[in-house]
Amino acid sequence: MARRPLPRILSTGSAQIARSRELARTAADSATDVLHPLITITRGMRRLASAGRRKWADAPKDRRGPLLLLVTSVVLVVALLPYGPLFAVITLMAAAAWHGREGRAAKPEGPDESQTQRLQSLYEALVPYFSTAEDPAPLYAHGGEWEKAFPAYEFDGSSRVSHLVIRYPAYFPDGEAEARARVELLLTAKSGRGREYHFTWDEEGNELTVTVLSPLPTDIAAQRFVTAPGETVLGFTDPTQVQRTLPLTHGEERRDVPPVVWRTGVRSSEPHLLIVGQPGSGASTLLRSVALQALQHGDVLVVDGGGTGEYACLTGRDGVLAVEVGLAGALASLEWAAHETERRLIAANRARQAGHPAPDDTRRPLWVLLDRPTTFTHLAEADGRKDPQSMLQVPLRHGRAANVTVVVAEQFDGVDTLSDAVRQHTRARVALGPATAGQLESLLGARPHTTPIAHVPPGRGYARLGTGPVHRLQVPATPDPYDDATTDAQRQAVLDLLPPLTTPADEEPEPVPVEAVVAESA
């Protein structure tokens, strides 16, 4: 049976419909191109109106009246100016066109697949620490949702966590240092080793904030710091830890860096300093930096137990009483320092009893700097002499009233050999170089809020002044200017800070007779 042909309208209808749709699409695109400026201005007007409503809603009620009066005054002034309305319309259209332009594509909200995997891994690792079997609605559970536990997070360019806020249950013992240390160690391992993390525990809100710290600047050379008399810059730290900055120069560049300032003198609560570090960690560098700052307003006595000539640049300088590298010289110098402390106390006491101010020679600071004094302890025991550390008991105990400051630098393996007087009266502490959390807590008296790393640059460590917080510390570069490995810029920076020579370097200054000092103090 022959098939009847379809009506013409049905056979050609689909083609006509397709052509109509193409014509409509072309017309719409053409209209969009023609009306694009109008669309942009309309979109901008809508955004400006929305912004104005938000500003009006956010404004306090007591300020809405003056704000409305100000807007009305501006409108009246513009209306009265020649060509004012025209310029107002042009300005409004330009602002609307600017705000109505199509911006860049919005960034995708939320973490990507690799970042989500990192957060889920952190969440699963924290389950054993932040969950118990008795919890009816645990925040942490295997296979649970990490979104509730991590309300805020940020990532760096390598998709590693740079900032993270962690919620934890109220029953977690966040007041115990051991429990917090276990969590911090886990987060350090899971978030990426080789970086320093700062942990802020909010016990009231049950939140832990983890922040990746940027490296401290290591290119700051020795220079004159803007400080008051009695203030010594130990180094530089994070801007979030201190409320003060110092203007520094680095070549032709000037910048403000937050310092760790140690205050000495009569009103100081931490009049003496103990520096402990590994070999090559920068303890001698810090001692040189302290000596250069102390010579601005006082006298310095240096006892070098290392015997490496690290302080030869100070020999014969104005204000440097002596630089001793031998046992006999160390004993004589420290005995003189003890008698000088007694003399100052007696002179100041007599002046107060007579109603007079303290003599000038008792108010000029005296600094006793010792590098590795335990070396002399072993030599004194072998030679049957008195331990030089025993001479420090009087300056350490009465040094604050006599303007005598003692600074001791020692290595970690020699801390146990330090005398009880040194460990008891040096309440300002600095730890330099790589160290474990246990070593830092034993020396500083508290764990730092940051994670120590294995490899650190020279002069990098932690500082704690008395019972204050533990600060990250970077010592300013103060190398030995006579060392061949020192760069020319750093050598010149140290030489510029040295006082002028008053005694030829090949002449040894005459020792002060101890009997004369005793007779004078009596």
Protein backbone atom coordinates (compact mmCIF):
# COMPACT_ATOMS: atom_id res chain seq x y z
CA MET A 1 0.00 0.00 0.00
CA ALA A 2 1.50 3.37 -1.02
CA ARG A 3 2.30 5.83 1.83
CA ARG A 4 0.61 9.17 1.51
CA PRO A 5 2.97 12.19 1.61
CA LEU A 6 2.89 14.43 4.69
CA PRO A 7 1.34 17.84 4.43
CA ARG A 8 3.80 20.57 3.36
CA ILE A 9 3.31 22.54 6.53
CA LEU A 10 4.42 19.57 8.65
CA SER A 11 7.47 18.72 6.52
CA THR A 12 8.86 22.24 6.50
CA GLY A 13 7.72 23.34 10.01
CA SER A 14 10.80 22.12 11.90
CA ALA A 15 13.15 23.94 9.54
CA GLN A 16 11.18 27.14 9.91
CA ILE A 17 11.19 26.81 13.71
CA ALA A 18 14.99 26.33 13.73
CA ARG A 19 15.46 29.39 11.51
CA SER A 20 13.15 31.41 13.76
CA ARG A 21 15.13 30.45 16.86
CA GLU A 22 18.39 31.41 15.17
CA LEU A 23 16.95 34.76 14.12
CA ALA A 24 15.65 35.38 17.67
CA ARG A 25 19.04 34.49 19.19
CA THR A 26 20.84 36.78 16.77
CA ALA A 27 18.42 39.61 17.52
CA ALA A 28 18.86 39.10 21.25
CA ASP A 29 22.66 39.18 20.97
CA SER A 30 22.48 42.33 18.86
CA ALA A 31 20.14 43.96 21.34
CA THR A 32 22.45 42.97 24.19
CA ASP A 33 25.42 44.55 22.45
CA VAL A 34 23.48 47.72 21.73
CA LEU A 35 21.94 47.96 25.20
CA HIS A 36 25.09 46.80 27.09
CA PRO A 37 25.91 50.32 28.43
CA LEU A 38 22.32 50.70 29.66
CA ILE A 39 22.43 47.27 31.29
CA THR A 40 25.76 48.10 32.98
CA ILE A 41 24.44 51.42 34.30
CA THR A 42 21.22 49.80 35.54
CA ARG A 43 23.20 47.10 37.35
CA GLY A 44 25.46 49.75 38.89
CA MET A 45 22.48 51.83 40.04
CA ARG A 46 21.02 48.77 41.71
CA ARG A 47 24.31 48.03 43.49
CA LEU A 48 24.69 51.64 44.61
CA ALA A 49 21.13 51.63 45.95
CA SER A 50 21.80 48.40 47.85
CA ALA A 51 25.00 49.83 49.31
CA GLY A 52 23.16 52.97 50.37
CA ARG A 53 20.44 50.97 52.12
CA ARG A 54 23.08 48.92 53.96
CA LYS A 55 24.89 52.06 55.08
CA TRP A 56 21.62 53.55 56.30
CA ALA A 57 20.67 50.36 58.15
CA ASP A 58 24.12 50.05 59.76
CA ALA A 59 24.22 53.68 60.87
CA PRO A 60 23.24 54.25 64.54
CA LYS A 61 19.89 55.90 65.06
CA ASP A 62 21.40 58.92 66.75
CA ARG A 63 23.49 59.61 63.64
CA ARG A 64 20.79 59.20 61.03
CA GLY A 65 19.42 62.73 61.53
CA PRO A 66 22.80 64.49 60.99
CA LEU A 67 23.52 62.18 58.06
CA LEU A 68 20.21 63.00 56.41
CA LEU A 69 20.82 66.71 56.97
CA LEU A 70 24.27 66.43 55.38
CA VAL A 71 22.91 64.63 52.30
CA THR A 72 20.12 67.22 51.92
CA SER A 73 22.63 70.06 52.18
CA VAL A 74 24.83 68.50 49.51
CA VAL A 75 21.84 68.07 47.18
CA LEU A 76 20.77 71.70 47.67
CA VAL A 77 24.30 73.01 47.06
CA VAL A 78 24.63 70.93 43.87
CA ALA A 79 21.22 72.08 42.65
CA LEU A 80 22.13 75.76 43.15
CA LEU A 81 25.50 75.55 41.40
CA PRO A 82 25.72 76.40 37.68
CA TYR A 83 25.50 73.19 35.70
CA GLY A 84 25.41 71.40 39.05
CA PRO A 85 22.59 68.97 38.21
CA LEU A 86 24.27 68.09 34.91
CA PHE A 87 27.59 67.33 36.58
CA ALA A 88 25.75 65.37 39.29
CA VAL A 89 24.01 63.21 36.69
CA ILE A 90 27.28 62.62 34.82
CA THR A 91 29.06 61.67 38.05
CA LEU A 92 26.22 59.36 39.06
CA MET A 93 26.24 57.66 35.66
CA ALA A 94 30.03 57.21 35.80
CA ALA A 95 29.86 55.71 39.30
CA ALA A 96 27.04 53.41 38.23
CA ALA A 97 28.98 52.31 35.16
CA TRP A 98 32.03 51.59 37.32
CA HIS A 99 30.13 49.59 39.93
CA GLY A 100 28.01 47.83 37.31
CA ARG A 101 30.92 46.45 35.30
CA GLU A 102 31.32 42.69 35.21
CA GLY A 103 33.98 41.64 37.68
CA ARG A 104 36.27 38.68 37.60
CA ALA A 105 34.92 35.24 38.07
CA ALA A 106 34.29 34.54 41.71
CA LYS A 107 36.59 32.12 43.40
CA PRO A 108 35.07 28.77 44.18
CA GLU A 109 33.78 28.64 47.74
CA GLY A 110 35.19 26.02 50.04
CA PRO A 111 38.35 23.93 49.76
CA ASP A 112 39.24 21.89 46.70
CA GLU A 113 39.64 18.14 46.67
CA SER A 114 43.23 18.04 47.97
CA GLN A 115 42.49 20.58 50.70
CA THR A 116 39.38 18.68 51.75
CA GLN A 117 41.46 15.54 52.02
CA ARG A 118 43.97 17.33 54.27
CA LEU A 119 41.22 18.61 56.55
CA GLN A 120 39.59 15.20 56.72
CA SER A 121 42.96 13.62 57.58
CA LEU A 122 43.49 16.16 60.38
CA TYR A 123 39.98 15.48 61.67
CA GLU A 124 40.51 11.71 61.72
CA ALA A 125 43.87 12.12 63.49
CA LEU A 126 42.28 14.23 66.25
CA VAL A 127 39.50 11.72 66.98
CA PRO A 128 41.46 9.75 69.63
CA TYR A 129 42.37 12.98 71.45
CA PHE A 130 39.00 14.77 71.39
CA SER A 131 36.50 11.91 71.87
CA THR A 132 35.39 9.46 74.53
CA ALA A 133 33.10 6.47 74.46
CA GLU A 134 30.73 8.09 76.98
CA ASP A 135 29.99 11.12 74.80
CA PRO A 136 26.37 10.75 73.51
CA ALA A 137 26.88 13.27 70.68
CA PRO A 138 30.60 13.30 69.90
CA LEU A 139 32.02 16.17 67.91
CA TYR A 140 34.83 13.92 66.77
CA ALA A 141 34.08 10.45 65.45
CA HIS A 142 35.59 8.23 62.80
CA GLY A 143 33.89 9.03 59.51
CA GLY A 144 32.37 12.20 60.96
CA GLU A 145 32.04 15.64 59.39
CA TRP A 146 35.03 17.92 59.75
CA GLU A 147 33.01 21.06 58.87
CA LYS A 148 31.62 21.30 62.43
CA ALA A 149 35.07 20.91 64.03
CA PHE A 150 36.95 23.36 61.75
CA PRO A 151 34.89 26.58 61.45
CA ALA A 152 37.70 28.57 59.81
CA TYR A 153 40.68 27.56 57.71
CA GLU A 154 43.15 29.01 55.21
CA PHE A 155 45.67 27.44 52.86
CA ASP A 156 48.91 28.65 51.30
CA GLY A 157 50.00 28.31 47.69
CA SER A 158 51.06 24.69 48.19
CA SER A 159 47.62 23.72 49.60
CA ARG A 160 49.02 23.34 53.10
CA VAL A 161 47.17 24.69 56.11
CA SER A 162 48.31 28.21 57.06
CA HIS A 163 45.52 29.08 59.52
CA LEU A 164 43.07 26.77 61.27
CA VAL A 165 40.49 27.17 64.03
CA ILE A 166 39.70 23.91 65.83
CA ARG A 167 36.74 23.34 68.12
CA TYR A 168 37.13 20.70 70.79
CA PRO A 169 34.80 19.29 73.47
CA ALA A 170 34.64 20.89 76.89
CA TYR A 171 35.84 17.77 78.67
CA PHE A 172 39.26 17.88 76.98
CA PRO A 173 41.87 18.72 79.69
CA ASP A 174 43.21 21.86 77.99
CA GLY A 175 44.66 23.04 81.30
CA GLU A 176 47.23 20.21 81.32
CA ALA A 177 50.46 20.96 79.52
CA GLU A 178 51.01 17.32 78.57
CA ALA A 179 47.62 17.00 76.87
CA ARG A 180 48.10 20.21 74.93
CA ALA A 181 51.62 19.21 73.92
CA ARG A 182 50.37 15.94 72.44
CA VAL A 183 47.81 17.75 70.31
CA GLU A 184 50.35 20.37 69.19
CA LEU A 185 52.84 17.67 68.21
CA LEU A 186 50.18 15.86 66.18
CA LEU A 187 49.09 19.03 64.37
CA THR A 188 52.70 19.89 63.57
CA ALA A 189 53.28 16.48 62.02
CA LYS A 190 50.03 16.42 60.04
CA SER A 191 50.07 20.05 58.85
CA GLY A 192 53.62 19.92 57.48
CA ARG A 193 57.03 19.77 59.09
CA GLY A 194 59.72 22.38 58.65
CA ARG A 195 57.43 25.27 59.63
CA GLU A 196 56.81 27.00 62.94
CA TYR A 197 53.27 27.00 64.27
CA HIS A 198 51.74 29.26 66.90
CA PHE A 199 49.04 27.72 69.09
CA THR A 200 46.47 29.85 70.90
CA TRP A 201 44.26 27.94 73.34
CA ASP A 202 40.95 29.56 74.25
CA GLU A 203 39.91 27.59 77.32
CA GLU A 204 36.68 29.53 77.75
CA GLY A 205 35.50 29.07 74.18
CA ASN A 206 37.00 25.57 73.70
CA GLU A 207 38.82 26.63 70.56
CA LEU A 208 42.38 26.16 69.37
CA THR A 209 43.82 28.53 66.76
CA VAL A 210 46.77 27.27 64.74
CA THR A 211 48.77 29.84 62.75
CA VAL A 212 51.84 29.31 60.60
CA LEU A 213 54.49 31.87 61.54
CA SER A 214 56.59 33.60 58.94
CA PRO A 215 60.40 33.36 59.38
CA LEU A 216 62.02 36.07 61.47
CA PRO A 217 64.37 38.44 59.60
CA THR A 218 68.00 37.29 59.69
CA ASP A 219 69.51 40.20 57.77
CA ILE A 220 69.38 42.81 60.55
CA ALA A 221 72.92 43.91 61.34
CA ALA A 222 74.24 45.49 64.53
CA GLN A 223 73.42 49.19 64.80
CA ARG A 224 72.44 51.92 67.23
CA PHE A 225 68.99 51.09 68.51
CA VAL A 226 66.57 53.78 69.62
CA THR A 227 66.34 52.84 73.29
CA ALA A 228 66.45 54.57 76.65
CA PRO A 229 69.30 54.11 79.14
CA GLY A 230 68.87 50.78 80.89
CA GLU A 231 67.20 49.12 77.88
CA THR A 232 69.00 46.42 75.91
CA VAL A 233 67.70 44.92 72.67
CA LEU A 234 68.18 41.15 72.78
CA GLY A 235 66.73 40.58 69.33
CA PHE A 236 63.55 40.74 67.31
CA THR A 237 60.32 38.79 67.46
CA ASP A 238 56.84 38.50 65.96
CA PRO A 239 54.68 41.63 65.66
CA THR A 240 51.82 39.93 67.51
CA GLN A 241 53.88 39.37 70.67
CA VAL A 242 54.97 42.91 71.58
CA GLN A 243 53.36 46.34 71.33
CA ARG A 244 56.49 48.23 70.34
CA THR A 245 58.60 48.61 67.20
CA LEU A 246 62.07 50.01 66.56
CA PRO A 247 63.10 51.92 63.43
CA LEU A 248 65.98 50.04 61.80
CA THR A 249 68.17 50.62 58.78
CA HIS A 250 69.10 47.88 56.33
CA GLY A 251 71.30 49.46 53.69
CA GLU A 252 69.13 52.18 52.19
CA GLU A 253 65.93 50.55 53.43
CA ARG A 254 64.21 51.61 56.63
CA ARG A 255 61.66 49.47 58.43
CA ASP A 256 60.06 49.01 61.84
CA VAL A 257 60.64 45.69 63.59
CA PRO A 258 59.23 44.54 66.97
CA PRO A 259 62.07 44.02 69.48
CA VAL A 260 62.59 41.99 72.66
CA VAL A 261 63.79 44.66 75.11
CA TRP A 262 65.45 43.69 78.39
CA ARG A 263 65.41 46.37 81.08
CA THR A 264 68.17 46.54 83.69
CA GLY A 265 68.97 48.86 86.56
CA VAL A 266 67.63 49.61 90.01
CA ARG A 267 63.97 49.14 89.06
CA SER A 268 64.46 46.01 86.99
CA SER A 269 62.79 42.80 88.11
CA GLU A 270 65.20 40.70 85.99
CA PRO A 271 68.61 42.37 86.50
CA HIS A 272 70.74 39.45 85.22
CA LEU A 273 70.68 37.35 82.05
CA LEU A 274 71.51 33.73 81.23
CA ILE A 275 72.14 32.72 77.60
CA VAL A 276 72.23 29.02 76.74
CA GLY A 277 72.76 27.57 73.29
CA GLN A 278 74.32 24.92 71.17
CA PRO A 279 77.81 25.40 69.67
CA GLY A 280 77.55 27.88 66.81
CA SER A 281 74.03 28.95 67.75
CA GLY A 282 74.93 32.61 68.34
CA ALA A 283 75.48 32.92 72.09
CA SER A 284 78.77 34.80 71.61
CA THR A 285 77.05 36.97 68.99
CA LEU A 286 74.38 37.97 71.49
CA LEU A 287 77.03 38.63 74.15
CA ARG A 288 78.89 40.94 71.74
CA SER A 289 75.64 42.72 70.90
CA VAL A 290 74.93 43.26 74.61
CA ALA A 291 78.49 44.54 75.16
CA LEU A 292 78.24 47.08 72.34
CA GLN A 293 74.97 48.40 73.71
CA ALA A 294 76.27 48.47 77.30
CA LEU A 295 79.32 50.53 76.33
CA GLN A 296 77.08 53.47 75.41
CA HIS A 297 76.30 54.24 79.07
CA GLY A 298 78.53 52.00 81.22
CA ASP A 299 81.69 49.96 81.74
CA VAL A 300 82.19 46.35 80.64
CA LEU A 301 84.27 43.51 82.06
CA VAL A 302 84.56 40.46 79.80
CA VAL A 303 85.64 36.98 80.90
CA ASP A 304 86.03 34.60 77.95
CA GLY A 305 86.14 30.97 79.04
CA GLY A 306 86.12 29.70 75.47
CA GLY A 307 89.53 31.18 74.78
CA THR A 308 88.81 31.61 71.07
CA GLY A 309 89.45 35.34 70.92
CA GLU A 310 85.79 36.19 70.17
CA TYR A 311 86.10 39.46 72.10
CA ALA A 312 89.52 40.65 70.98
CA CYS A 313 87.87 43.59 69.24
CA LEU A 314 86.95 45.01 72.66
CA THR A 315 90.48 44.98 74.08
CA GLY A 316 91.74 48.44 74.92
CA ARG A 317 88.49 50.18 74.05
CA ASP A 318 87.09 53.07 76.05
CA GLY A 319 84.86 51.67 78.80
CA VAL A 320 86.21 48.11 78.56
CA LEU A 321 87.89 47.38 81.90
CA ALA A 322 89.43 44.07 80.84
CA VAL A 323 89.04 41.10 78.51
CA GLU A 324 90.27 38.04 80.41
CA VAL A 325 90.92 34.68 78.77
CA GLY A 326 92.97 32.97 81.51
CA LEU A 327 92.09 31.50 84.87
CA ALA A 328 94.27 33.86 86.91
CA GLY A 329 92.92 36.95 85.18
CA ALA A 330 89.33 35.71 85.50
CA LEU A 331 89.76 35.14 89.26
CA ALA A 332 91.31 38.57 89.80
CA SER A 333 88.72 40.39 87.69
CA LEU A 334 85.71 38.68 89.26
CA GLU A 335 87.11 39.26 92.76
CA TRP A 336 87.46 42.94 91.89
CA ALA A 337 83.87 42.97 90.60
CA ALA A 338 82.64 41.52 93.92
CA HIS A 339 84.52 44.14 95.93
CA GLU A 340 83.35 46.88 93.57
CA THR A 341 79.76 45.83 94.17
CA GLU A 342 80.30 46.03 97.94
CA ARG A 343 81.99 49.43 97.60
CA ARG A 344 79.06 50.79 95.61
CA LEU A 345 76.57 49.53 98.16
CA ILE A 346 78.47 51.12 101.03
CA ALA A 347 78.91 54.45 99.21
CA ALA A 348 75.25 54.62 98.21
CA ASN A 349 74.13 53.73 101.74
CA ARG A 350 76.31 56.44 103.29
CA ALA A 351 74.99 59.00 100.82
CA ARG A 352 71.37 58.10 101.62
CA GLN A 353 72.03 58.33 105.36
CA ALA A 354 73.54 61.79 104.87
CA GLY A 355 70.63 62.90 102.72
CA HIS A 356 72.71 63.23 99.55
CA PRO A 357 72.21 61.63 96.13
CA ALA A 358 74.25 58.58 95.29
CA PRO A 359 77.75 59.29 93.93
CA ASP A 360 78.17 59.35 90.18
CA ASP A 361 80.60 56.42 90.19
CA THR A 362 77.94 54.22 91.80
CA ARG A 363 75.28 55.15 89.26
CA ARG A 364 77.35 54.34 86.18
CA PRO A 365 76.36 50.79 85.12
CA LEU A 366 78.93 48.03 85.40
CA TRP A 367 78.47 44.98 83.17
CA VAL A 368 80.15 41.65 83.91
CA LEU A 369 79.97 39.41 80.83
CA LEU A 370 81.04 35.77 81.10
CA ASP A 371 81.25 33.38 78.17
CA ARG A 372 81.39 29.69 79.18
CA PRO A 373 82.47 30.16 82.83
CA THR A 374 82.20 26.40 83.48
CA THR A 375 85.48 25.97 81.57
CA PHE A 376 87.24 27.84 84.35
CA THR A 377 85.43 25.68 86.89
CA HIS A 378 87.12 22.54 85.56
CA LEU A 379 90.50 24.30 85.37
CA ALA A 380 90.15 25.60 88.94
CA GLU A 381 89.33 22.14 90.24
CA ALA A 382 92.35 20.65 88.48
CA ASP A 383 94.64 23.44 89.76
CA GLY A 384 93.23 23.47 93.29
CA ARG A 385 91.96 27.04 93.07
CA LYS A 386 88.68 28.71 93.90
CA ASP A 387 85.85 28.40 91.41
CA PRO A 388 85.42 31.76 89.58
CA GLN A 389 81.64 31.30 89.77
CA SER A 390 81.83 31.68 93.55
CA MET A 391 82.90 35.29 92.98
CA LEU A 392 79.58 36.01 91.29
CA GLN A 393 77.40 35.54 94.35
CA VAL A 394 77.74 39.16 95.55
CA PRO A 395 77.21 40.81 92.11
CA LEU A 396 74.27 38.53 91.42
CA ARG A 397 72.56 39.06 94.77
CA HIS A 398 73.23 42.78 95.23
CA GLY A 399 73.91 43.86 91.65
CA ARG A 400 70.55 45.51 91.08
CA ALA A 401 71.02 47.99 93.94
CA ALA A 402 74.64 48.64 92.89
CA ASN A 403 73.95 49.02 89.12
CA VAL A 404 75.95 45.87 88.40
CA THR A 405 74.59 43.53 85.72
CA VAL A 406 75.82 39.99 85.12
CA VAL A 407 75.36 38.19 81.80
CA VAL A 408 76.37 34.53 81.54
CA ALA A 409 76.54 32.56 78.28
CA GLU A 410 76.87 28.78 78.44
CA GLN A 411 76.20 25.73 76.30
CA PHE A 412 73.43 23.23 77.02
CA ASP A 413 75.88 20.54 78.08
CA GLY A 414 77.36 22.84 80.73
CA VAL A 415 74.16 24.10 82.35
CA ASP A 416 74.34 21.52 85.13
CA THR A 417 77.82 22.82 86.06
CA LEU A 418 76.57 26.35 86.65
CA SER A 419 76.46 27.38 90.29
CA ASP A 420 73.23 27.68 92.22
CA ALA A 421 73.66 31.45 92.45
CA VAL A 422 73.83 31.79 88.67
CA ARG A 423 70.75 29.64 88.09
CA GLN A 424 68.79 31.32 90.88
CA HIS A 425 69.45 35.00 90.11
CA THR A 426 69.43 34.98 86.29
CA ARG A 427 65.69 35.27 85.77
CA ALA A 428 65.99 36.61 82.24
CA ARG A 429 66.69 33.63 79.98
CA VAL A 430 67.57 33.14 76.30
CA ALA A 431 67.80 29.77 74.54
CA LEU A 432 69.48 29.71 71.14
CA GLY A 433 69.80 27.02 68.52
CA PRO A 434 67.88 23.75 68.09
CA ALA A 435 66.44 22.41 71.33
CA THR A 436 63.72 20.03 72.40
CA ALA A 437 60.55 21.16 74.11
CA GLY A 438 61.79 19.62 77.37
CA GLN A 439 65.06 21.56 77.25
CA LEU A 440 63.22 24.80 76.56
CA GLU A 441 60.77 24.22 79.39
CA SER A 442 63.57 23.35 81.81
CA LEU A 443 65.55 26.47 80.94
CA LEU A 444 62.78 29.03 80.40
CA GLY A 445 60.33 27.68 82.96
CA ALA A 446 57.50 27.41 80.42
CA ARG A 447 56.86 25.83 77.06
CA PRO A 448 56.85 28.18 74.10
CA HIS A 449 53.57 28.63 72.24
CA THR A 450 55.36 27.74 69.02
CA THR A 451 56.82 24.47 67.83
CA PRO A 452 60.64 24.33 67.80
CA ILE A 453 62.19 23.12 64.55
CA ALA A 454 65.33 21.08 64.01
CA HIS A 455 67.19 23.42 61.65
CA VAL A 456 67.38 27.10 62.57
CA PRO A 457 69.70 29.92 61.42
CA PRO A 458 72.39 31.25 63.79
CA GLY A 459 71.02 33.58 66.43
CA ARG A 460 67.56 32.04 66.35
CA GLY A 461 65.91 30.95 69.60
CA TYR A 462 63.53 31.90 72.39
CA ALA A 463 63.59 34.50 75.16
CA ARG A 464 61.67 34.87 78.40
CA LEU A 465 62.04 37.76 80.81
CA GLY A 466 61.09 36.65 84.30
CA THR A 467 57.54 35.33 84.37
CA GLY A 468 56.56 36.92 81.06
CA PRO A 469 55.61 35.13 77.87
CA VAL A 470 58.07 33.14 75.78
CA HIS A 471 59.06 35.09 72.65
CA ARG A 472 60.59 33.88 69.45
CA LEU A 473 63.95 35.61 69.08
CA GLN A 474 66.36 36.46 66.29
CA VAL A 475 69.61 38.03 67.46
CA PRO A 476 70.99 40.90 65.34
CA ALA A 477 74.03 39.89 63.34
CA THR A 478 77.04 40.98 65.47
CA PRO A 479 79.96 38.83 64.28
CA ASP A 480 83.59 39.07 65.29
CA PRO A 481 85.01 41.76 63.00
CA TYR A 482 88.42 40.03 63.00
CA ASP A 483 86.95 36.79 61.66
CA ASP A 484 87.80 36.09 58.02
CA ALA A 485 84.36 34.59 57.40
CA THR A 486 82.63 37.88 58.27
CA THR A 487 81.24 39.89 55.39
CA ASP A 488 82.53 43.40 54.79
CA ALA A 489 79.17 45.01 55.54
CA GLN A 490 78.73 43.24 58.88
CA ARG A 491 82.38 43.83 59.82
CA GLN A 492 82.05 47.55 59.18
CA ALA A 493 78.76 47.68 61.12
CA VAL A 494 80.46 46.26 64.23
CA LEU A 495 83.56 48.43 63.85
CA ASP A 496 81.39 51.55 63.65
CA LEU A 497 79.87 50.69 67.04
CA LEU A 498 83.17 50.09 68.86
CA PRO A 499 84.37 52.86 71.20
CA PRO A 500 87.72 54.49 70.42
CA LEU A 501 90.95 52.83 71.55
CA THR A 502 92.38 54.16 74.81
CA THR A 503 95.00 51.45 75.44
CA PRO A 504 97.23 49.89 72.78
CA ALA A 505 96.15 46.37 71.97
CA ASP A 506 99.58 44.92 72.78
CA GLU A 507 99.58 46.42 76.28
CA GLU A 508 97.79 44.73 79.11
CA PRO A 509 95.98 47.11 81.47
CA GLU A 510 97.33 47.17 84.97
CA PRO A 511 95.21 45.10 87.36
CA VAL A 512 93.46 46.94 90.14
CA PRO A 513 94.93 46.00 93.53
CA VAL A 514 92.33 44.12 95.53
CA GLU A 515 93.80 45.35 98.84
CA ALA A 516 93.23 48.97 97.81
CA VAL A 517 89.61 48.28 96.95
CA VAL A 518 89.04 46.53 100.28
CA ALA A 519 90.64 49.37 102.18
CA GLU A 520 88.57 51.94 100.28
CA SER A 521 85.32 50.07 100.89
CA ALA A 522 86.11 49.74 104.58
